[in-house]
Amino acid sequence: MVQGRRAIAQSASDAGAQRQESHGQSDPGEWMIGHSIEQVTPEEVQRRYDALTKGEVR
């Protein structure tokens, strides 16, 4: 059982090292996934911010 755990840990470590090399990640255990939900103009951002700070948000 201990050997199995070591093999899994080594495999995960190897995968992390490969990911770090290929993408330049400083922390191979951290994933950041981004996705655009909507495009908003600066004016709309300001309007939403103003509504939020005035308590007008539903």
PDB file of N, CA and C in Angstrom:
ATOM      1  N   MET A   1       0.830  -1.199   0.000  1.00  0.00           N
ATOM      2  CA  MET A   1       0.000   0.000   0.000  1.00  0.00           C
ATOM      3  C   MET A   1       0.865   1.250   0.000  1.00  0.00           C
ATOM      4  N   VAL A   2       1.939   1.255   0.786  1.00  0.00           N
ATOM      5  CA  VAL A   2       2.815   2.415   0.847  1.00  0.00           C
ATOM      6  C   VAL A   2       3.470   2.649  -0.510  1.00  0.00           C
ATOM      7  N   GLN A   3       3.879   1.580  -1.186  1.00  0.00           N
ATOM      8  CA  GLN A   3       4.497   1.736  -2.500  1.00  0.00           C
ATOM      9  C   GLN A   3       3.503   2.327  -3.489  1.00  0.00           C
ATOM     10  N   GLY A   4       2.247   1.924  -3.398  1.00  0.00           N
ATOM     11  CA  GLY A   4       1.214   2.464  -4.278  1.00  0.00           C
ATOM     12  C   GLY A   4       1.038   3.955  -4.055  1.00  0.00           C
ATOM     13  N   ARG A   5       1.038   4.357  -2.808  1.00  0.00           N
ATOM     14  CA  ARG A   5       0.904   5.787  -2.494  1.00  0.00           C
ATOM     15  C   ARG A   5       2.102   6.574  -2.992  1.00  0.00           C
ATOM     16  N   ARG A   6       3.270   5.982  -2.834  1.00  0.00           N
ATOM     17  CA  ARG A   6       4.479   6.662  -3.320  1.00  0.00           C
ATOM     18  C   ARG A   6       4.445   6.806  -4.836  1.00  0.00           C
ATOM     19  N   ALA A   7       3.984   5.770  -5.521  1.00  0.00           N
ATOM     20  CA  ALA A   7       3.898   5.826  -6.983  1.00  0.00           C
ATOM     21  C   ALA A   7       2.914   6.902  -7.427  1.00  0.00           C
ATOM     22  N   ILE A   8       1.790   6.985  -6.742  1.00  0.00           N
ATOM     23  CA  ILE A   8       0.792   8.013  -7.071  1.00  0.00           C
ATOM     24  C   ILE A   8       1.363   9.396  -6.802  1.00  0.00           C
ATOM     25  N   ALA A   9       2.025   9.555  -5.660  1.00  0.00           N
ATOM     26  CA  ALA A   9       2.611  10.851  -5.323  1.00  0.00           C
ATOM     27  C   ALA A   9       3.690  11.234  -6.331  1.00  0.00           C
ATOM     28  N   GLN A  10       4.516  10.264  -6.728  1.00  0.00           N
ATOM     29  CA  GLN A  10       5.571  10.547  -7.699  1.00  0.00           C
ATOM     30  C   GLN A  10       4.963  10.905  -9.049  1.00  0.00           C
ATOM     31  N   SER A  11       3.928  10.200  -9.442  1.00  0.00           N
ATOM     32  CA  SER A  11       3.262  10.481 -10.717  1.00  0.00           C
ATOM     33  C   SER A  11       2.677  11.891 -10.711  1.00  0.00           C
ATOM     34  N   ALA A  12       2.030  12.258  -9.614  1.00  0.00           N
ATOM     35  CA  ALA A  12       1.459  13.600  -9.498  1.00  0.00           C
ATOM     36  C   ALA A  12       2.564  14.645  -9.508  1.00  0.00           C
ATOM     37  N   SER A  13       3.668  14.350  -8.848  1.00  0.00           N
ATOM     38  CA  SER A  13       4.797  15.272  -8.815  1.00  0.00           C
ATOM     39  C   SER A  13       5.382  15.442 -10.206  1.00  0.00           C
ATOM     40  N   ASP A  14       5.533  14.346 -10.940  1.00  0.00           N
ATOM     41  CA  ASP A  14       6.055  14.408 -12.297  1.00  0.00           C
ATOM     42  C   ASP A  14       5.127  15.222 -13.196  1.00  0.00           C
ATOM     43  N   ALA A  15       3.833  15.017 -13.073  1.00  0.00           N
ATOM     44  CA  ALA A  15       2.864  15.759 -13.885  1.00  0.00           C
ATOM     45  C   ALA A  15       2.935  17.241 -13.560  1.00  0.00           C
ATOM     46  N   GLY A  16       3.095  17.568 -12.290  1.00  0.00           N
ATOM     47  CA  GLY A  16       3.205  18.958 -11.886  1.00  0.00           C
ATOM     48  C   GLY A  16       4.466  19.599 -12.445  1.00  0.00           C
ATOM     49  N   ALA A  17       5.550  18.859 -12.439  1.00  0.00           N
ATOM     50  CA  ALA A  17       6.808  19.390 -12.983  1.00  0.00           C
ATOM     51  C   ALA A  17       6.679  19.631 -14.475  1.00  0.00           C
ATOM     52  N   GLN A  18       6.031  18.723 -15.171  1.00  0.00           N
ATOM     53  CA  GLN A  18       5.835  18.904 -16.608  1.00  0.00           C
ATOM     54  C   GLN A  18       4.954  20.116 -16.873  1.00  0.00           C
ATOM     55  N   ARG A  19       3.895  20.247 -16.113  1.00  0.00           N
ATOM     56  CA  ARG A  19       2.993  21.384 -16.293  1.00  0.00           C
ATOM     57  C   ARG A  19       3.731  22.685 -15.993  1.00  0.00           C
ATOM     58  N   GLN A  20       4.553  22.677 -14.960  1.00  0.00           N
ATOM     59  CA  GLN A  20       5.291  23.875 -14.597  1.00  0.00           C
ATOM     60  C   GLN A  20       6.263  24.264 -15.698  1.00  0.00           C
ATOM     61  N   GLU A  21       6.937  23.297 -16.275  1.00  0.00           N
ATOM     62  CA  GLU A  21       7.892  23.588 -17.329  1.00  0.00           C
ATOM     63  C   GLU A  21       7.198  24.124 -18.569  1.00  0.00           C
ATOM     64  N   SER A  22       6.097  23.501 -18.941  1.00  0.00           N
ATOM     65  CA  SER A  22       5.471  23.869 -20.198  1.00  0.00           C
ATOM     66  C   SER A  22       4.678  25.170 -20.112  1.00  0.00           C
ATOM     67  N   HIS A  23       4.218  25.548 -18.926  1.00  0.00           N
ATOM     68  CA  HIS A  23       3.398  26.742 -18.799  1.00  0.00           C
ATOM     69  C   HIS A  23       4.010  27.807 -17.897  1.00  0.00           C
ATOM     70  N   GLY A  24       5.122  27.507 -17.271  1.00  0.00           N
ATOM     71  CA  GLY A  24       5.770  28.479 -16.417  1.00  0.00           C
ATOM     72  C   GLY A  24       5.018  28.778 -15.133  1.00  0.00           C
ATOM     73  N   GLN A  25       4.223  27.838 -14.660  1.00  0.00           N
ATOM     74  CA  GLN A  25       3.470  28.045 -13.425  1.00  0.00           C
ATOM     75  C   GLN A  25       4.412  28.022 -12.231  1.00  0.00           C
ATOM     76  N   SER A  26       4.203  28.919 -11.287  1.00  0.00           N
ATOM     77  CA  SER A  26       5.035  28.925 -10.092  1.00  0.00           C
ATOM     78  C   SER A  26       4.547  27.907  -9.078  1.00  0.00           C
ATOM     79  N   ASP A  27       3.275  27.568  -9.091  1.00  0.00           N
ATOM     80  CA  ASP A  27       2.700  26.592  -8.164  1.00  0.00           C
ATOM     81  C   ASP A  27       1.963  25.540  -8.989  1.00  0.00           C
ATOM     82  N   PRO A  28       2.574  24.380  -9.217  1.00  0.00           N
ATOM     83  CA  PRO A  28       1.937  23.385 -10.080  1.00  0.00           C
ATOM     84  C   PRO A  28       0.632  22.823  -9.511  1.00  0.00           C
ATOM     85  N   GLY A  29       0.340  23.049  -8.247  1.00  0.00           N
ATOM     86  CA  GLY A  29      -0.889  22.539  -7.657  1.00  0.00           C
ATOM     87  C   GLY A  29      -2.058  23.502  -7.794  1.00  0.00           C
ATOM     88  N   GLU A  30      -1.828  24.674  -8.345  1.00  0.00           N
ATOM     89  CA  GLU A  30      -2.872  25.690  -8.443  1.00  0.00           C
ATOM     90  C   GLU A  30      -3.313  25.841  -9.891  1.00  0.00           C
ATOM     91  N   TRP A  31      -4.607  25.754 -10.118  1.00  0.00           N
ATOM     92  CA  TRP A  31      -5.161  25.898 -11.459  1.00  0.00           C
ATOM     93  C   TRP A  31      -5.967  27.174 -11.522  1.00  0.00           C
ATOM     94  N   MET A  32      -5.810  27.914 -12.574  1.00  0.00           N
ATOM     95  CA  MET A  32      -6.608  29.121 -12.777  1.00  0.00           C
ATOM     96  C   MET A  32      -7.299  28.988 -14.127  1.00  0.00           C
ATOM     97  N   ILE A  33      -8.602  28.979 -14.087  1.00  0.00           N
ATOM     98  CA  ILE A  33      -9.376  28.836 -15.309  1.00  0.00           C
ATOM     99  C   ILE A  33     -10.210  30.096 -15.480  1.00  0.00           C
ATOM    100  N   GLY A  34     -10.088  30.719 -16.625  1.00  0.00           N
ATOM    101  CA  GLY A  34     -10.827  31.943 -16.882  1.00  0.00           C
ATOM    102  C   GLY A  34     -11.820  31.757 -18.016  1.00  0.00           C
ATOM    103  N   HIS A  35     -12.895  32.493 -17.943  1.00  0.00           N
ATOM    104  CA  HIS A  35     -13.936  32.385 -18.961  1.00  0.00           C
ATOM    105  C   HIS A  35     -14.704  33.695 -18.998  1.00  0.00           C
ATOM    106  N   SER A  36     -14.869  34.247 -20.177  1.00  0.00           N
ATOM    107  CA  SER A  36     -15.600  35.501 -20.324  1.00  0.00           C
ATOM    108  C   SER A  36     -17.096  35.219 -20.314  1.00  0.00           C
ATOM    109  N   ILE A  37     -17.819  35.879 -19.455  1.00  0.00           N
ATOM    110  CA  ILE A  37     -19.265  35.691 -19.359  1.00  0.00           C
ATOM    111  C   ILE A  37     -19.992  36.728 -20.190  1.00  0.00           C
ATOM    112  N   GLU A  38     -19.515  37.964 -20.144  1.00  0.00           N
ATOM    113  CA  GLU A  38     -20.119  39.008 -20.964  1.00  0.00           C
ATOM    114  C   GLU A  38     -19.108  40.125 -21.164  1.00  0.00           C
ATOM    115  N   GLN A  39     -19.281  40.849 -22.251  1.00  0.00           N
ATOM    116  CA  GLN A  39     -18.452  42.016 -22.493  1.00  0.00           C
ATOM    117  C   GLN A  39     -19.252  43.242 -22.071  1.00  0.00           C
ATOM    118  N   VAL A  40     -18.639  44.061 -21.228  1.00  0.00           N
ATOM    119  CA  VAL A  40     -19.331  45.216 -20.670  1.00  0.00           C
ATOM    120  C   VAL A  40     -18.510  46.463 -20.986  1.00  0.00           C
ATOM    121  N   THR A  41     -19.180  47.488 -21.446  1.00  0.00           N
ATOM    122  CA  THR A  41     -18.496  48.750 -21.740  1.00  0.00           C
ATOM    123  C   THR A  41     -18.103  49.430 -20.432  1.00  0.00           C
ATOM    124  N   PRO A  42     -17.124  50.306 -20.488  1.00  0.00           N
ATOM    125  CA  PRO A  42     -16.748  51.048 -19.273  1.00  0.00           C
ATOM    126  C   PRO A  42     -17.920  51.838 -18.688  1.00  0.00           C
ATOM    127  N   GLU A  43     -18.779  52.346 -19.545  1.00  0.00           N
ATOM    128  CA  GLU A  43     -19.948  53.092 -19.071  1.00  0.00           C
ATOM    129  C   GLU A  43     -20.900  52.185 -18.289  1.00  0.00           C
ATOM    130  N   GLU A  44     -21.099  50.968 -18.775  1.00  0.00           N
ATOM    131  CA  GLU A  44     -21.973  50.009 -18.084  1.00  0.00           C
ATOM    132  C   GLU A  44     -21.364  49.582 -16.756  1.00  0.00           C
ATOM    133  N   VAL A  45     -20.063  49.419 -16.728  1.00  0.00           N
ATOM    134  CA  VAL A  45     -19.388  49.086 -15.468  1.00  0.00           C
ATOM    135  C   VAL A  45     -19.629  50.194 -14.456  1.00  0.00           C
ATOM    136  N   GLN A  46     -19.479  51.435 -14.895  1.00  0.00           N
ATOM    137  CA  GLN A  46     -19.700  52.576 -13.998  1.00  0.00           C
ATOM    138  C   GLN A  46     -21.147  52.622 -13.527  1.00  0.00           C
ATOM    139  N   ARG A  47     -22.102  52.393 -14.448  1.00  0.00           N
ATOM    140  CA  ARG A  47     -23.518  52.408 -14.083  1.00  0.00           C
ATOM    141  C   ARG A  47     -23.819  51.339 -13.035  1.00  0.00           C
ATOM    142  N   ARG A  48     -23.271  50.150 -13.229  1.00  0.00           N
ATOM    143  CA  ARG A  48     -23.496  49.062 -12.264  1.00  0.00           C
ATOM    144  C   ARG A  48     -22.846  49.370 -10.929  1.00  0.00           C
ATOM    145  N   TYR A  49     -21.651  49.945 -10.962  1.00  0.00           N
ATOM    146  CA  TYR A  49     -20.970  50.305  -9.726  1.00  0.00           C
ATOM    147  C   TYR A  49     -21.758  51.359  -8.956  1.00  0.00           C
ATOM    148  N   ASP A  50     -22.229  52.365  -9.679  1.00  0.00           N
ATOM    149  CA  ASP A  50     -23.018  53.422  -9.039  1.00  0.00           C
ATOM    150  C   ASP A  50     -24.283  52.838  -8.418  1.00  0.00           C
ATOM    151  N   ALA A  51     -24.954  51.946  -9.140  1.00  0.00           N
ATOM    152  CA  ALA A  51     -26.154  51.320  -8.606  1.00  0.00           C
ATOM    153  C   ALA A  51     -25.828  50.485  -7.359  1.00  0.00           C
ATOM    154  N   LEU A  52     -24.714  49.808  -7.390  1.00  0.00           N
ATOM    155  CA  LEU A  52     -24.316  48.973  -6.248  1.00  0.00           C
ATOM    156  C   LEU A  52     -24.038  49.828  -5.018  1.00  0.00           C
ATOM    157  N   THR A  53     -23.319  50.927  -5.207  1.00  0.00           N
ATOM    158  CA  THR A  53     -22.956  51.761  -4.056  1.00  0.00           C
ATOM    159  C   THR A  53     -24.148  52.569  -3.529  1.00  0.00           C
ATOM    160  N   LYS A  54     -25.181  52.738  -4.333  1.00  0.00           N
ATOM    161  CA  LYS A  54     -26.389  53.447  -3.887  1.00  0.00           C
ATOM    162  C   LYS A  54     -27.432  52.491  -3.325  1.00  0.00           C
ATOM    163  N   GLY A  55     -27.146  51.193  -3.371  1.00  0.00           N
ATOM    164  CA  GLY A  55     -28.071  50.209  -2.847  1.00  0.00           C
ATOM    165  C   GLY A  55     -29.237  49.903  -3.780  1.00  0.00           C
ATOM    166  N   GLU A  56     -29.061  50.139  -5.070  1.00  0.00           N
ATOM    167  CA  GLU A  56     -30.135  49.928  -6.036  1.00  0.00           C
ATOM    168  C   GLU A  56     -30.090  48.539  -6.686  1.00  0.00           C
ATOM    169  N   VAL A  57     -29.195  47.707  -6.216  1.00  0.00           N
ATOM    170  CA  VAL A  57     -29.068  46.366  -6.805  1.00  0.00           C
ATOM    171  C   VAL A  57     -30.096  45.445  -6.198  1.00  0.00           C
ATOM    172  N   ARG A  58     -30.728  44.663  -7.060  1.00  0.00           N
ATOM    173  CA  ARG A  58     -31.781  43.739  -6.579  1.00  0.00           C
ATOM    174  C   ARG A  58     -31.220  42.662  -5.707  1.00  0.00           C
TER     175      ARG A  58
END
